[in-house]
Amino acid sequence: MRTLIVLRHAKAVHVPGMEDRERPLTDRGERDARRAGEEVRALGLAPDLVLCSPSVRTRRTAELAFPEVEVSYERDVYQAYPEELLALVKLTDPELETVVLCGHNPGVHELAISLAGGDYGFRPGAFAVIRTESDWVDLWPGQAELVTRWDPKGEVTG
């Protein structure tokens, strides 16, 4: 069994003229990122690896949510389509059982829905826990199930 935790970066500032990749988290975003990690741990999940966009807001989200987990910064996660994100997940070490993908909308949201179905929003700081019996390399849309999802405004399912 493999578990993919698809995490959208937490709330970031919007500053006119600031490069998109350089946008930091807001104070609320910092709190929400920590809470996301706490919620993952409360589910009994212990990620082996975080695949993360190199943007400032995703890096900080991963750092706050999973301070004890190895992070691999992948430039291909930034502004990626769901197919590109899935291709990256497929390259994951087959020995790893639980992986976090920390990225941006709409890609992460569309990836979660393509893998496990559903009809839900994906606010900043939200995550979906998706399980599959497939090896990472064999993962395809529709071959997984949504176990639960969480967002900072308190919406939890599963």
C-alpha atoms as a PDB file:
ATOM      1  CA  MET A   1       0.000   0.000   0.000  1.00  0.00           C
ATOM      2  CA  ARG A   2       1.283   3.491  -0.903  1.00  0.00           C
ATOM      3  CA  THR A   3       0.066   6.815   0.465  1.00  0.00           C
ATOM      4  CA  LEU A   4       0.348  10.106  -1.379  1.00  0.00           C
ATOM      5  CA  ILE A   5      -0.407  13.272   0.558  1.00  0.00           C
ATOM      6  CA  VAL A   6      -1.167  16.052  -1.900  1.00  0.00           C
ATOM      7  CA  LEU A   7      -0.619  19.385  -0.132  1.00  0.00           C
ATOM      8  CA  ARG A   8      -1.275  22.860  -1.465  1.00  0.00           C
ATOM      9  CA  HIS A   9       1.049  25.519  -0.073  1.00  0.00           C
ATOM     10  CA  ALA A  10      -0.404  27.600   2.739  1.00  0.00           C
ATOM     11  CA  LYS A  11      -1.693  31.167   2.322  1.00  0.00           C
ATOM     12  CA  ALA A  12       0.894  33.513   0.801  1.00  0.00           C
ATOM     13  CA  VAL A  13       1.158  37.288   0.591  1.00  0.00           C
ATOM     14  CA  HIS A  14       0.208  39.205  -2.540  1.00  0.00           C
ATOM     15  CA  VAL A  15       2.591  42.108  -3.049  1.00  0.00           C
ATOM     16  CA  PRO A  16       2.405  44.097  -6.299  1.00  0.00           C
ATOM     17  CA  GLY A  17       5.618  43.741  -8.253  1.00  0.00           C
ATOM     18  CA  MET A  18       6.945  40.789  -6.231  1.00  0.00           C
ATOM     19  CA  GLU A  19       8.069  37.772  -8.253  1.00  0.00           C
ATOM     20  CA  ASP A  20       5.519  34.979  -7.862  1.00  0.00           C
ATOM     21  CA  ARG A  21       8.189  32.472  -6.803  1.00  0.00           C
ATOM     22  CA  GLU A  22       9.353  34.829  -4.033  1.00  0.00           C
ATOM     23  CA  ARG A  23       6.001  35.250  -2.261  1.00  0.00           C
ATOM     24  CA  PRO A  24       6.306  34.291   1.432  1.00  0.00           C
ATOM     25  CA  LEU A  25       3.571  32.895   3.658  1.00  0.00           C
ATOM     26  CA  THR A  26       1.328  35.179   5.654  1.00  0.00           C
ATOM     27  CA  ASP A  27       1.207  34.795   9.431  1.00  0.00           C
ATOM     28  CA  ARG A  28      -1.931  32.726   8.999  1.00  0.00           C
ATOM     29  CA  GLY A  29      -0.175  30.673   6.340  1.00  0.00           C
ATOM     30  CA  GLU A  30       2.647  29.889   8.770  1.00  0.00           C
ATOM     31  CA  ARG A  31       0.127  28.708  11.393  1.00  0.00           C
ATOM     32  CA  ASP A  32      -1.847  26.697   8.827  1.00  0.00           C
ATOM     33  CA  ALA A  33       1.279  24.957   7.527  1.00  0.00           C
ATOM     34  CA  ARG A  34       2.172  23.812  11.056  1.00  0.00           C
ATOM     35  CA  ARG A  35      -1.422  22.637  11.577  1.00  0.00           C
ATOM     36  CA  ALA A  36      -1.370  20.653   8.329  1.00  0.00           C
ATOM     37  CA  GLY A  37       1.671  18.732   9.570  1.00  0.00           C
ATOM     38  CA  GLU A  38       0.003  18.150  12.948  1.00  0.00           C
ATOM     39  CA  GLU A  39      -3.121  16.833  11.212  1.00  0.00           C
ATOM     40  CA  VAL A  40      -1.070  14.451   9.061  1.00  0.00           C
ATOM     41  CA  ARG A  41       0.700  13.107  12.150  1.00  0.00           C
ATOM     42  CA  ALA A  42      -2.658  12.810  13.983  1.00  0.00           C
ATOM     43  CA  LEU A  43      -3.758  10.494  11.176  1.00  0.00           C
ATOM     44  CA  GLY A  44      -0.818   8.248  12.054  1.00  0.00           C
ATOM     45  CA  LEU A  45       1.052   9.077   8.864  1.00  0.00           C
ATOM     46  CA  ALA A  46       4.818   9.503   8.783  1.00  0.00           C
ATOM     47  CA  PRO A  47       6.005  10.744   5.378  1.00  0.00           C
ATOM     48  CA  ASP A  48       9.241   9.327   3.998  1.00  0.00           C
ATOM     49  CA  LEU A  49       9.813  12.193   1.566  1.00  0.00           C
ATOM     50  CA  VAL A  50       8.398  15.555   0.502  1.00  0.00           C
ATOM     51  CA  LEU A  51       8.494  16.425  -3.198  1.00  0.00           C
ATOM     52  CA  CYS A  52       8.288  20.217  -3.192  1.00  0.00           C
ATOM     53  CA  SER A  53       8.165  23.151  -5.556  1.00  0.00           C
ATOM     54  CA  PRO A  54      11.146  25.488  -5.086  1.00  0.00           C
ATOM     55  CA  SER A  55       8.985  28.579  -4.549  1.00  0.00           C
ATOM     56  CA  VAL A  56       9.394  30.384  -1.209  1.00  0.00           C
ATOM     57  CA  ARG A  57       5.822  29.637  -0.105  1.00  0.00           C
ATOM     58  CA  THR A  58       5.989  25.901  -0.829  1.00  0.00           C
ATOM     59  CA  ARG A  59       9.434  25.538   0.742  1.00  0.00           C
ATOM     60  CA  ARG A  60       8.219  27.223   3.925  1.00  0.00           C
ATOM     61  CA  THR A  61       5.014  25.170   3.977  1.00  0.00           C
ATOM     62  CA  ALA A  62       7.010  21.932   3.758  1.00  0.00           C
ATOM     63  CA  GLU A  63       9.535  23.112   6.331  1.00  0.00           C
ATOM     64  CA  LEU A  64       6.835  23.996   8.875  1.00  0.00           C
ATOM     65  CA  ALA A  65       4.588  20.990   8.227  1.00  0.00           C
ATOM     66  CA  PHE A  66       7.288  18.333   8.051  1.00  0.00           C
ATOM     67  CA  PRO A  67      10.467  19.602   9.751  1.00  0.00           C
ATOM     68  CA  GLU A  68      11.807  16.079  10.296  1.00  0.00           C
ATOM     69  CA  VAL A  69      11.249  14.802   6.743  1.00  0.00           C
ATOM     70  CA  GLU A  70      13.691  14.879   3.824  1.00  0.00           C
ATOM     71  CA  VAL A  71      12.588  17.396   1.188  1.00  0.00           C
ATOM     72  CA  SER A  72      13.426  17.119  -2.491  1.00  0.00           C
ATOM     73  CA  TYR A  73      12.970  20.465  -4.239  1.00  0.00           C
ATOM     74  CA  GLU A  74      11.705  19.810  -7.743  1.00  0.00           C
ATOM     75  CA  ARG A  75      11.472  22.741 -10.142  1.00  0.00           C
ATOM     76  CA  ASP A  76       9.004  20.769 -12.249  1.00  0.00           C
ATOM     77  CA  VAL A  77       6.387  21.064  -9.461  1.00  0.00           C
ATOM     78  CA  TYR A  78       6.139  24.835  -9.957  1.00  0.00           C
ATOM     79  CA  GLN A  79       3.215  25.668 -12.292  1.00  0.00           C
ATOM     80  CA  ALA A  80       2.895  22.002 -13.263  1.00  0.00           C
ATOM     81  CA  TYR A  81      -0.054  20.323 -14.889  1.00  0.00           C
ATOM     82  CA  PRO A  82      -1.435  17.234 -13.120  1.00  0.00           C
ATOM     83  CA  GLU A  83       0.127  14.941 -15.733  1.00  0.00           C
ATOM     84  CA  GLU A  84       3.559  16.415 -14.999  1.00  0.00           C
ATOM     85  CA  LEU A  85       3.052  15.988 -11.260  1.00  0.00           C
ATOM     86  CA  LEU A  86       2.017  12.373 -11.742  1.00  0.00           C
ATOM     87  CA  ALA A  87       5.103  11.752 -13.890  1.00  0.00           C
ATOM     88  CA  LEU A  88       7.248  13.047 -11.027  1.00  0.00           C
ATOM     89  CA  VAL A  89       5.465  10.855  -8.465  1.00  0.00           C
ATOM     90  CA  LYS A  90       6.033   7.840 -10.720  1.00  0.00           C
ATOM     91  CA  LEU A  91       9.799   8.413 -10.369  1.00  0.00           C
ATOM     92  CA  THR A  92       9.634   8.026  -6.583  1.00  0.00           C
ATOM     93  CA  ASP A  93      11.822   5.372  -4.986  1.00  0.00           C
ATOM     94  CA  PRO A  94       9.698   2.194  -4.870  1.00  0.00           C
ATOM     95  CA  GLU A  95      10.815   1.552  -1.276  1.00  0.00           C
ATOM     96  CA  LEU A  96       9.052   4.691  -0.024  1.00  0.00           C
ATOM     97  CA  GLU A  97       5.533   4.130   1.277  1.00  0.00           C
ATOM     98  CA  THR A  98       4.327   7.629   2.176  1.00  0.00           C
ATOM     99  CA  VAL A  99       5.158  10.677   0.075  1.00  0.00           C
ATOM    100  CA  VAL A 100       4.006  14.285   0.267  1.00  0.00           C
ATOM    101  CA  LEU A 101       3.684  16.378  -2.876  1.00  0.00           C
ATOM    102  CA  CYS A 102       3.707  20.072  -1.894  1.00  0.00           C
ATOM    103  CA  GLY A 103       2.785  22.329  -4.763  1.00  0.00           C
ATOM    104  CA  HIS A 104       0.398  24.811  -6.325  1.00  0.00           C
ATOM    105  CA  ASN A 105      -3.134  24.968  -7.628  1.00  0.00           C
ATOM    106  CA  PRO A 106      -4.610  24.112  -9.967  1.00  0.00           C
ATOM    107  CA  GLY A 107      -2.136  21.258 -10.547  1.00  0.00           C
ATOM    108  CA  VAL A 108      -2.196  19.634  -7.106  1.00  0.00           C
ATOM    109  CA  HIS A 109      -5.982  19.829  -6.854  1.00  0.00           C
ATOM    110  CA  GLU A 110      -6.465  18.373 -10.317  1.00  0.00           C
ATOM    111  CA  LEU A 111      -3.952  15.598  -9.562  1.00  0.00           C
ATOM    112  CA  ALA A 112      -5.812  14.588  -6.387  1.00  0.00           C
ATOM    113  CA  ILE A 113      -9.138  14.480  -8.203  1.00  0.00           C
ATOM    114  CA  SER A 114      -7.727  12.598 -11.192  1.00  0.00           C
ATOM    115  CA  LEU A 115      -6.195   9.918  -8.973  1.00  0.00           C
ATOM    116  CA  ALA A 116      -9.053   9.368  -6.550  1.00  0.00           C
ATOM    117  CA  GLY A 117     -12.107  11.238  -7.796  1.00  0.00           C
ATOM    118  CA  GLY A 118     -14.266  13.547  -5.750  1.00  0.00           C
ATOM    119  CA  ASP A 119     -15.653  17.019  -6.022  1.00  0.00           C
ATOM    120  CA  TYR A 120     -14.184  19.410  -3.496  1.00  0.00           C
ATOM    121  CA  GLY A 121     -12.243  22.631  -3.181  1.00  0.00           C
ATOM    122  CA  PHE A 122      -8.570  22.882  -2.314  1.00  0.00           C
ATOM    123  CA  ARG A 123      -7.859  26.044  -0.334  1.00  0.00           C
ATOM    124  CA  PRO A 124      -4.314  27.165   0.540  1.00  0.00           C
ATOM    125  CA  GLY A 125      -2.913  24.778   3.152  1.00  0.00           C
ATOM    126  CA  ALA A 126      -5.342  21.965   2.266  1.00  0.00           C
ATOM    127  CA  PHE A 127      -4.277  18.377   1.737  1.00  0.00           C
ATOM    128  CA  ALA A 128      -5.750  15.140   0.437  1.00  0.00           C
ATOM    129  CA  VAL A 129      -4.608  11.708   1.597  1.00  0.00           C
ATOM    130  CA  ILE A 130      -4.716   9.253  -1.275  1.00  0.00           C
ATOM    131  CA  ARG A 131      -3.980   5.529  -1.045  1.00  0.00           C
ATOM    132  CA  THR A 132      -3.169   3.056  -3.762  1.00  0.00           C
ATOM    133  CA  GLU A 133      -2.120  -0.559  -4.005  1.00  0.00           C
ATOM    134  CA  SER A 134      -0.069   0.300  -7.094  1.00  0.00           C
ATOM    135  CA  ASP A 135       3.647   0.854  -7.060  1.00  0.00           C
ATOM    136  CA  TRP A 136       4.507   4.493  -7.718  1.00  0.00           C
ATOM    137  CA  VAL A 137       5.635   3.724 -11.255  1.00  0.00           C
ATOM    138  CA  ASP A 138       2.312   2.026 -12.025  1.00  0.00           C
ATOM    139  CA  LEU A 139       0.059   4.759 -10.606  1.00  0.00           C
ATOM    140  CA  TRP A 140      -2.546   6.072 -13.050  1.00  0.00           C
ATOM    141  CA  PRO A 141      -5.625   8.291 -12.763  1.00  0.00           C
ATOM    142  CA  GLY A 142      -8.542   6.474 -11.177  1.00  0.00           C
ATOM    143  CA  GLN A 143      -6.340   3.856  -9.468  1.00  0.00           C
ATOM    144  CA  ALA A 144      -6.399   5.284  -5.974  1.00  0.00           C
ATOM    145  CA  GLU A 145      -8.872   6.184  -3.256  1.00  0.00           C
ATOM    146  CA  LEU A 146      -9.352   9.334  -1.272  1.00  0.00           C
ATOM    147  CA  VAL A 147      -8.897   8.422   2.392  1.00  0.00           C
ATOM    148  CA  THR A 148      -9.447  11.871   3.844  1.00  0.00           C
ATOM    149  CA  ARG A 149      -8.912  15.511   3.145  1.00  0.00           C
ATOM    150  CA  TRP A 150      -8.355  18.520   5.363  1.00  0.00           C
ATOM    151  CA  ASP A 151      -8.226  22.264   5.028  1.00  0.00           C
ATOM    152  CA  PRO A 152      -7.333  25.004   7.497  1.00  0.00           C
ATOM    153  CA  LYS A 153     -10.892  26.272   7.724  1.00  0.00           C
ATOM    154  CA  GLY A 154     -11.836  23.027   9.435  1.00  0.00           C
ATOM    155  CA  GLU A 155     -13.333  21.023   6.625  1.00  0.00           C
ATOM    156  CA  VAL A 156     -12.440  17.360   7.082  1.00  0.00           C
ATOM    157  CA  THR A 157     -13.849  14.295   5.382  1.00  0.00           C
ATOM    158  CA  GLY A 158     -13.146  10.604   5.584  1.00  0.00           C
END
